[in-house]
PDB file of N, CA and C in Angstrom:
ATOM      1  N   MET A   1     -59.044  -2.656 -11.239  1.00  0.00           N
ATOM      2  CA  MET A   1     -60.371  -2.998 -11.150  1.00  0.00           C
ATOM      3  C   MET A   1     -61.314  -2.381 -12.231  1.00  0.00           C
ATOM      4  N   ILE A   2     -60.841  -1.372 -12.716  1.00  0.00           N
ATOM      5  CA  ILE A   2     -61.590  -0.717 -13.861  1.00  0.00           C
ATOM      6  C   ILE A   2     -61.320  -1.851 -15.166  1.00  0.00           C
ATOM      7  N   LEU A   3     -60.305  -2.418 -15.300  1.00  0.00           N
ATOM      8  CA  LEU A   3     -60.071  -3.409 -16.456  1.00  0.00           C
ATOM      9  C   LEU A   3     -60.547  -4.764 -16.148  1.00  0.00           C
ATOM     10  N   LYS A   4     -61.071  -4.856 -14.975  1.00  0.00           N
ATOM     11  CA  LYS A   4     -61.727  -6.251 -14.417  1.00  0.00           C
ATOM     12  C   LYS A   4     -60.573  -7.355 -14.394  1.00  0.00           C
ATOM     13  N   CYS A   5     -59.367  -6.829 -14.102  1.00  0.00           N
ATOM     14  CA  CYS A   5     -58.293  -7.924 -13.879  1.00  0.00           C
ATOM     15  C   CYS A   5     -58.269  -7.915 -12.471  1.00  0.00           C
ATOM     16  N   GLY A   6     -57.337  -9.163 -12.109  1.00  0.00           N
ATOM     17  CA  GLY A   6     -57.227  -9.339 -10.712  1.00  0.00           C
ATOM     18  C   GLY A   6     -56.307  -8.149 -10.115  1.00  0.00           C
ATOM     19  N   TYR A   7     -56.329  -8.201  -8.779  1.00  0.00           N
ATOM     20  CA  TYR A   7     -55.373  -7.157  -8.166  1.00  0.00           C
ATOM     21  C   TYR A   7     -55.190  -7.807  -6.804  1.00  0.00           C
ATOM     22  N   ASN A   8     -54.070  -7.233  -6.078  1.00  0.00           N
ATOM     23  CA  ASN A   8     -53.796  -7.664  -4.820  1.00  0.00           C
ATOM     24  C   ASN A   8     -53.498  -6.436  -3.978  1.00  0.00           C
ATOM     25  N   HIS A   9     -52.528  -6.620  -2.846  1.00  0.00           N
ATOM     26  CA  HIS A   9     -52.450  -5.589  -1.998  1.00  0.00           C
ATOM     27  C   HIS A   9     -51.763  -4.294  -2.458  1.00  0.00           C
ATOM     28  N   MET A  10     -51.176  -4.448  -3.736  1.00  0.00           N
ATOM     29  CA  MET A  10     -50.576  -3.225  -4.421  1.00  0.00           C
ATOM     30  C   MET A  10     -51.494  -2.148  -4.507  1.00  0.00           C
ATOM     31  N   ILE A  11     -52.953  -2.457  -4.511  1.00  0.00           N
ATOM     32  CA  ILE A  11     -53.779  -1.429  -4.820  1.00  0.00           C
ATOM     33  C   ILE A  11     -53.952  -0.576  -3.597  1.00  0.00           C
ATOM     34  N   ASP A  12     -53.580  -1.113  -2.424  1.00  0.00           N
ATOM     35  CA  ASP A  12     -53.528  -0.084  -1.340  1.00  0.00           C
ATOM     36  C   ASP A  12     -52.565   0.892  -1.444  1.00  0.00           C
ATOM     37  N   TRP A  13     -51.296   0.643  -2.023  1.00  0.00           N
ATOM     38  CA  TRP A  13     -50.436   1.603  -2.251  1.00  0.00           C
ATOM     39  C   TRP A  13     -50.708   2.713  -3.319  1.00  0.00           C
ATOM     40  N   TRP A  14     -51.321   2.155  -4.282  1.00  0.00           N
ATOM     41  CA  TRP A  14     -52.134   3.114  -5.483  1.00  0.00           C
ATOM     42  C   TRP A  14     -52.979   4.144  -4.585  1.00  0.00           C
ATOM     43  N   MET A  15     -53.791   3.681  -3.615  1.00  0.00           N
ATOM     44  CA  MET A  15     -54.872   4.239  -3.079  1.00  0.00           C
ATOM     45  C   MET A  15     -54.169   5.352  -2.011  1.00  0.00           C
ATOM     46  N   LEU A  16     -52.937   4.958  -1.502  1.00  0.00           N
ATOM     47  CA  LEU A  16     -52.309   5.698  -0.690  1.00  0.00           C
ATOM     48  C   LEU A  16     -51.560   7.225  -1.479  1.00  0.00           C
ATOM     49  N   GLY A  17     -51.171   6.845  -2.716  1.00  0.00           N
ATOM     50  CA  GLY A  17     -50.829   7.830  -3.686  1.00  0.00           C
ATOM     51  C   GLY A  17     -52.088   8.747  -3.870  1.00  0.00           C
ATOM     52  N   CYS A  18     -53.280   8.346  -4.302  1.00  0.00           N
ATOM     53  CA  CYS A  18     -54.452   9.106  -4.556  1.00  0.00           C
ATOM     54  C   CYS A  18     -54.727   9.912  -3.225  1.00  0.00           C
ATOM     55  N   LEU A  19     -54.850   9.090  -2.119  1.00  0.00           N
ATOM     56  CA  LEU A  19     -55.095   9.987  -0.836  1.00  0.00           C
ATOM     57  C   LEU A  19     -54.330  11.067  -0.474  1.00  0.00           C
ATOM     58  N   THR A  20     -52.855  10.913  -0.630  1.00  0.00           N
ATOM     59  CA  THR A  20     -51.939  11.730  -0.255  1.00  0.00           C
ATOM     60  C   THR A  20     -51.992  12.991  -1.161  1.00  0.00           C
ATOM     61  N   TYR A  21     -52.275  12.746  -2.490  1.00  0.00           N
ATOM     62  CA  TYR A  21     -52.462  13.817  -3.390  1.00  0.00           C
ATOM     63  C   TYR A  21     -53.591  14.612  -2.990  1.00  0.00           C
ATOM     64  N   GLU A  22     -54.642  14.010  -2.714  1.00  0.00           N
ATOM     65  CA  GLU A  22     -55.881  14.757  -2.423  1.00  0.00           C
ATOM     66  C   GLU A  22     -56.007  15.444  -1.117  1.00  0.00           C
ATOM     67  N   LEU A  23     -55.168  14.966  -0.186  1.00  0.00           N
ATOM     68  CA  LEU A  23     -55.065  15.685   1.116  1.00  0.00           C
ATOM     69  C   LEU A  23     -54.181  16.977   1.072  1.00  0.00           C
ATOM     70  N   PHE A  24     -53.126  16.725   0.189  1.00  0.00           N
ATOM     71  CA  PHE A  24     -52.357  17.842  -0.044  1.00  0.00           C
ATOM     72  C   PHE A  24     -52.935  19.114  -0.949  1.00  0.00           C
ATOM     73  N   TYR A  25     -53.385  18.619  -2.101  1.00  0.00           N
ATOM     74  CA  TYR A  25     -53.991  19.618  -3.054  1.00  0.00           C
ATOM     75  C   TYR A  25     -55.404  19.964  -2.687  1.00  0.00           C
ATOM     76  N   LYS A  26     -55.954  19.050  -1.971  1.00  0.00           N
ATOM     77  CA  LYS A  26     -57.518  19.318  -1.711  1.00  0.00           C
ATOM     78  C   LYS A  26     -58.522  19.224  -2.882  1.00  0.00           C
ATOM     79  N   HIS A  27     -58.003  18.193  -3.845  1.00  0.00           N
ATOM     80  CA  HIS A  27     -58.967  17.717  -4.855  1.00  0.00           C
ATOM     81  C   HIS A  27     -58.246  16.514  -5.424  1.00  0.00           C
ATOM     82  N   PRO A  28     -59.014  15.635  -5.878  1.00  0.00           N
ATOM     83  CA  PRO A  28     -58.588  14.332  -6.455  1.00  0.00           C
ATOM     84  C   PRO A  28     -57.591  14.423  -7.596  1.00  0.00           C
ATOM     85  N   CYS A  29     -56.683  13.486  -7.846  1.00  0.00           N
ATOM     86  CA  CYS A  29     -55.848  13.532  -8.758  1.00  0.00           C
ATOM     87  C   CYS A  29     -56.350  13.145 -10.145  1.00  0.00           C
ATOM     88  N   PHE A  30     -57.478  12.470 -10.050  1.00  0.00           N
ATOM     89  CA  PHE A  30     -58.047  12.043 -11.332  1.00  0.00           C
ATOM     90  C   PHE A  30     -59.791  12.453 -11.039  1.00  0.00           C
ATOM     91  N   SER A  31     -60.254  13.249 -11.850  1.00  0.00           N
ATOM     92  CA  SER A  31     -61.566  13.810 -11.988  1.00  0.00           C
ATOM     93  C   SER A  31     -62.077  14.247 -13.327  1.00  0.00           C
ATOM     94  N   ASP A  32     -63.302  14.084 -13.660  1.00  0.00           N
ATOM     95  CA  ASP A  32     -64.046  14.274 -14.721  1.00  0.00           C
ATOM     96  C   ASP A  32     -65.483  14.062 -14.633  1.00  0.00           C
ATOM     97  N   LYS A  33     -66.329  14.891 -15.213  1.00  0.00           N
ATOM     98  CA  LYS A  33     -67.668  14.832 -15.194  1.00  0.00           C
ATOM     99  C   LYS A  33     -68.169  13.473 -15.686  1.00  0.00           C
ATOM    100  N   GLU A  34     -67.562  13.034 -16.947  1.00  0.00           N
ATOM    101  CA  GLU A  34     -67.900  11.836 -17.609  1.00  0.00           C
ATOM    102  C   GLU A  34     -67.017  10.586 -17.096  1.00  0.00           C
ATOM    103  N   SER A  35     -67.873   9.693 -16.598  1.00  0.00           N
ATOM    104  CA  SER A  35     -67.085   8.513 -16.087  1.00  0.00           C
ATOM    105  C   SER A  35     -66.195   7.900 -16.909  1.00  0.00           C
ATOM    106  N   SER A  36     -66.609   7.872 -18.302  1.00  0.00           N
ATOM    107  CA  SER A  36     -65.694   7.086 -19.249  1.00  0.00           C
ATOM    108  C   SER A  36     -64.248   7.980 -19.322  1.00  0.00           C
ATOM    109  N   TYR A  37     -64.350   9.179 -19.324  1.00  0.00           N
ATOM    110  CA  TYR A  37     -63.034   9.937 -19.391  1.00  0.00           C
ATOM    111  C   TYR A  37     -62.307   9.879 -18.059  1.00  0.00           C
ATOM    112  N   LEU A  38     -63.054   9.798 -16.999  1.00  0.00           N
ATOM    113  CA  LEU A  38     -62.554   9.657 -15.837  1.00  0.00           C
ATOM    114  C   LEU A  38     -61.681   8.069 -15.693  1.00  0.00           C
ATOM    115  N   TYR A  39     -62.248   7.198 -16.042  1.00  0.00           N
ATOM    116  CA  TYR A  39     -61.680   5.964 -16.233  1.00  0.00           C
ATOM    117  C   TYR A  39     -60.511   5.850 -17.031  1.00  0.00           C
ATOM    118  N   ASP A  40     -60.511   6.599 -18.251  1.00  0.00           N
ATOM    119  CA  ASP A  40     -59.420   6.817 -19.252  1.00  0.00           C
ATOM    120  C   ASP A  40     -58.269   7.260 -18.451  1.00  0.00           C
ATOM    121  N   LYS A  41     -58.390   8.418 -17.816  1.00  0.00           N
ATOM    122  CA  LYS A  41     -57.431   9.212 -17.042  1.00  0.00           C
ATOM    123  C   LYS A  41     -56.849   8.226 -16.033  1.00  0.00           C
ATOM    124  N   ILE A  42     -57.495   7.569 -15.218  1.00  0.00           N
ATOM    125  CA  ILE A  42     -56.905   6.602 -14.324  1.00  0.00           C
ATOM    126  C   ILE A  42     -56.050   5.464 -14.876  1.00  0.00           C
ATOM    127  N   ILE A  43     -56.792   4.911 -15.959  1.00  0.00           N
ATOM    128  CA  ILE A  43     -55.867   3.888 -16.802  1.00  0.00           C
ATOM    129  C   ILE A  43     -54.548   4.227 -17.282  1.00  0.00           C
ATOM    130  N   LYS A  44     -54.738   5.566 -17.763  1.00  0.00           N
ATOM    131  CA  LYS A  44     -53.514   6.106 -18.469  1.00  0.00           C
ATOM    132  C   LYS A  44     -52.503   6.892 -17.348  1.00  0.00           C
ATOM    133  N   CYS A  45     -53.072   7.097 -16.247  1.00  0.00           N
ATOM    134  CA  CYS A  45     -52.297   7.792 -15.110  1.00  0.00           C
ATOM    135  C   CYS A  45     -52.162   9.056 -15.510  1.00  0.00           C
ATOM    136  N   ASN A  46     -53.273   9.691 -15.949  1.00  0.00           N
ATOM    137  CA  ASN A  46     -53.070  11.135 -16.399  1.00  0.00           C
ATOM    138  C   ASN A  46     -53.458  12.014 -15.414  1.00  0.00           C
ATOM    139  N   TYR A  47     -52.461  12.606 -14.618  1.00  0.00           N
ATOM    140  CA  TYR A  47     -52.773  13.482 -13.658  1.00  0.00           C
ATOM    141  C   TYR A  47     -51.608  14.644 -13.670  1.00  0.00           C
ATOM    142  N   ARG A  48     -51.819  15.690 -12.991  1.00  0.00           N
ATOM    143  CA  ARG A  48     -50.943  16.796 -13.000  1.00  0.00           C
ATOM    144  C   ARG A  48     -50.816  17.560 -11.709  1.00  0.00           C
ATOM    145  N   PHE A  49     -49.577  17.845 -11.382  1.00  0.00           N
ATOM    146  CA  PHE A  49     -49.417  18.671 -10.068  1.00  0.00           C
ATOM    147  C   PHE A  49     -49.897  20.011 -10.318  1.00  0.00           C
ATOM    148  N   PRO A  50     -50.706  20.712  -9.711  1.00  0.00           N
ATOM    149  CA  PRO A  50     -51.090  22.186  -9.850  1.00  0.00           C
ATOM    150  C   PRO A  50     -49.923  22.961  -9.511  1.00  0.00           C
ATOM    151  N   LYS A  51     -49.784  24.041 -10.229  1.00  0.00           N
ATOM    152  CA  LYS A  51     -48.868  24.934  -9.914  1.00  0.00           C
ATOM    153  C   LYS A  51     -49.110  25.931  -8.926  1.00  0.00           C
ATOM    154  N   THR A  52     -50.465  26.001  -8.677  1.00  0.00           N
ATOM    155  CA  THR A  52     -50.771  26.978  -7.654  1.00  0.00           C
ATOM    156  C   THR A  52     -50.181  26.755  -6.207  1.00  0.00           C
ATOM    157  N   LYS A  53     -50.097  25.281  -5.894  1.00  0.00           N
ATOM    158  CA  LYS A  53     -49.747  24.932  -4.429  1.00  0.00           C
ATOM    159  C   LYS A  53     -48.299  24.158  -4.781  1.00  0.00           C
ATOM    160  N   ASP A  54     -47.303  24.789  -4.239  1.00  0.00           N
ATOM    161  CA  ASP A  54     -45.977  24.080  -4.574  1.00  0.00           C
ATOM    162  C   ASP A  54     -45.707  23.143  -3.485  1.00  0.00           C
ATOM    163  N   ALA A  55     -45.603  21.933  -3.963  1.00  0.00           N
ATOM    164  CA  ALA A  55     -45.205  20.714  -3.025  1.00  0.00           C
ATOM    165  C   ALA A  55     -43.642  20.529  -3.121  1.00  0.00           C
ATOM    166  N   SER A  56     -42.972  19.952  -2.235  1.00  0.00           N
ATOM    167  CA  SER A  56     -41.786  19.658  -2.304  1.00  0.00           C
ATOM    168  C   SER A  56     -41.431  18.483  -3.168  1.00  0.00           C
ATOM    169  N   ASP A  57     -40.265  18.362  -3.779  1.00  0.00           N
ATOM    170  CA  ASP A  57     -39.755  17.418  -4.660  1.00  0.00           C
ATOM    171  C   ASP A  57     -39.992  16.001  -3.957  1.00  0.00           C
ATOM    172  N   THR A  58     -39.865  15.973  -2.802  1.00  0.00           N
ATOM    173  CA  THR A  58     -39.841  14.532  -2.001  1.00  0.00           C
ATOM    174  C   THR A  58     -41.178  14.227  -2.033  1.00  0.00           C
ATOM    175  N   LEU A  59     -42.269  15.075  -1.771  1.00  0.00           N
ATOM    176  CA  LEU A  59     -43.565  14.744  -1.817  1.00  0.00           C
ATOM    177  C   LEU A  59     -44.098  14.351  -3.235  1.00  0.00           C
ATOM    178  N   LYS A  60     -43.727  15.078  -4.202  1.00  0.00           N
ATOM    179  CA  LYS A  60     -44.052  14.804  -5.626  1.00  0.00           C
ATOM    180  C   LYS A  60     -43.649  13.449  -5.937  1.00  0.00           C
ATOM    181  N   ASN A  61     -42.286  12.996  -5.573  1.00  0.00           N
ATOM    182  CA  ASN A  61     -41.678  11.936  -6.038  1.00  0.00           C
ATOM    183  C   ASN A  61     -42.341  10.837  -5.181  1.00  0.00           C
ATOM    184  N   PHE A  62     -42.695  10.922  -4.105  1.00  0.00           N
ATOM    185  CA  PHE A  62     -43.536   9.887  -3.153  1.00  0.00           C
ATOM    186  C   PHE A  62     -44.744   9.382  -4.042  1.00  0.00           C
ATOM    187  N   ILE A  63     -45.732  10.611  -4.291  1.00  0.00           N
ATOM    188  CA  ILE A  63     -46.937  10.419  -5.088  1.00  0.00           C
ATOM    189  C   ILE A  63     -46.625   9.601  -6.526  1.00  0.00           C
ATOM    190  N   GLN A  64     -45.600  10.191  -7.129  1.00  0.00           N
ATOM    191  CA  GLN A  64     -45.264   9.571  -8.441  1.00  0.00           C
ATOM    192  C   GLN A  64     -44.971   8.149  -8.394  1.00  0.00           C
ATOM    193  N   CYS A  65     -44.232   7.659  -7.245  1.00  0.00           N
ATOM    194  CA  CYS A  65     -43.897   6.320  -7.096  1.00  0.00           C
ATOM    195  C   CYS A  65     -45.057   5.338  -6.706  1.00  0.00           C
ATOM    196  N   LEU A  66     -46.098   6.032  -6.165  1.00  0.00           N
ATOM    197  CA  LEU A  66     -47.116   5.124  -5.684  1.00  0.00           C
ATOM    198  C   LEU A  66     -48.082   4.999  -6.891  1.00  0.00           C
ATOM    199  N   LEU A  67     -48.324   6.049  -7.818  1.00  0.00           N
ATOM    200  CA  LEU A  67     -49.317   6.289  -8.837  1.00  0.00           C
ATOM    201  C   LEU A  67     -48.732   5.693 -10.117  1.00  0.00           C
ATOM    202  N   ILE A  68     -47.937   4.492 -10.023  1.00  0.00           N
ATOM    203  CA  ILE A  68     -47.471   3.805 -11.147  1.00  0.00           C
ATOM    204  C   ILE A  68     -48.559   2.744 -11.464  1.00  0.00           C
ATOM    205  N   THR A  69     -48.925   2.815 -12.928  1.00  0.00           N
ATOM    206  CA  THR A  69     -50.080   1.952 -12.970  1.00  0.00           C
ATOM    207  C   THR A  69     -49.587   0.292 -12.919  1.00  0.00           C
ATOM    208  N   GLU A  70     -48.321  -0.007 -13.462  1.00  0.00           N
ATOM    209  CA  GLU A  70     -47.854  -1.486 -13.405  1.00  0.00           C
ATOM    210  C   GLU A  70     -47.626  -1.747 -11.871  1.00  0.00           C
ATOM    211  N   PRO A  71     -48.333  -2.555 -11.298  1.00  0.00           N
ATOM    212  CA  PRO A  71     -48.307  -2.930  -9.767  1.00  0.00           C
ATOM    213  C   PRO A  71     -46.764  -3.435  -9.411  1.00  0.00           C
ATOM    214  N   SER A  72     -46.207  -4.162 -10.219  1.00  0.00           N
ATOM    215  CA  SER A  72     -44.818  -4.756  -9.984  1.00  0.00           C
ATOM    216  C   SER A  72     -43.853  -3.610 -10.021  1.00  0.00           C
ATOM    217  N   LYS A  73     -44.025  -2.271 -10.601  1.00  0.00           N
ATOM    218  CA  LYS A  73     -43.042  -1.248 -10.580  1.00  0.00           C
ATOM    219  C   LYS A  73     -43.472  -0.219  -9.714  1.00  0.00           C
ATOM    220  N   ARG A  74     -44.549  -0.403  -8.878  1.00  0.00           N
ATOM    221  CA  ARG A  74     -45.047   0.582  -7.904  1.00  0.00           C
ATOM    222  C   ARG A  74     -44.273   0.421  -6.540  1.00  0.00           C
ATOM    223  N   MET A  75     -44.123   1.588  -5.994  1.00  0.00           N
ATOM    224  CA  MET A  75     -43.245   1.539  -4.609  1.00  0.00           C
ATOM    225  C   MET A  75     -44.505   0.772  -3.617  1.00  0.00           C
ATOM    226  N   GLY A  76     -43.821  -0.098  -2.765  1.00  0.00           N
ATOM    227  CA  GLY A  76     -44.743  -0.823  -1.885  1.00  0.00           C
ATOM    228  C   GLY A  76     -44.188  -2.178  -1.401  1.00  0.00           C
TER     229      GLY A  76
END
């Protein structure tokens, strides 16, 4: 959507990854005060798992499989 390219139902899987991350860590996986930097982080899929709250490897893998920028390679 940011790149103004077409999208399909795979965006729902991306959003599930974002929502899962936010529900567990209590903050969004992508954030910045400047919208241009925020968009850059989303496009490059630049996020980190916080060290303060340890998630299981299964949960991290689930999120990582959903937050793949290429829709054809994304879980779903």
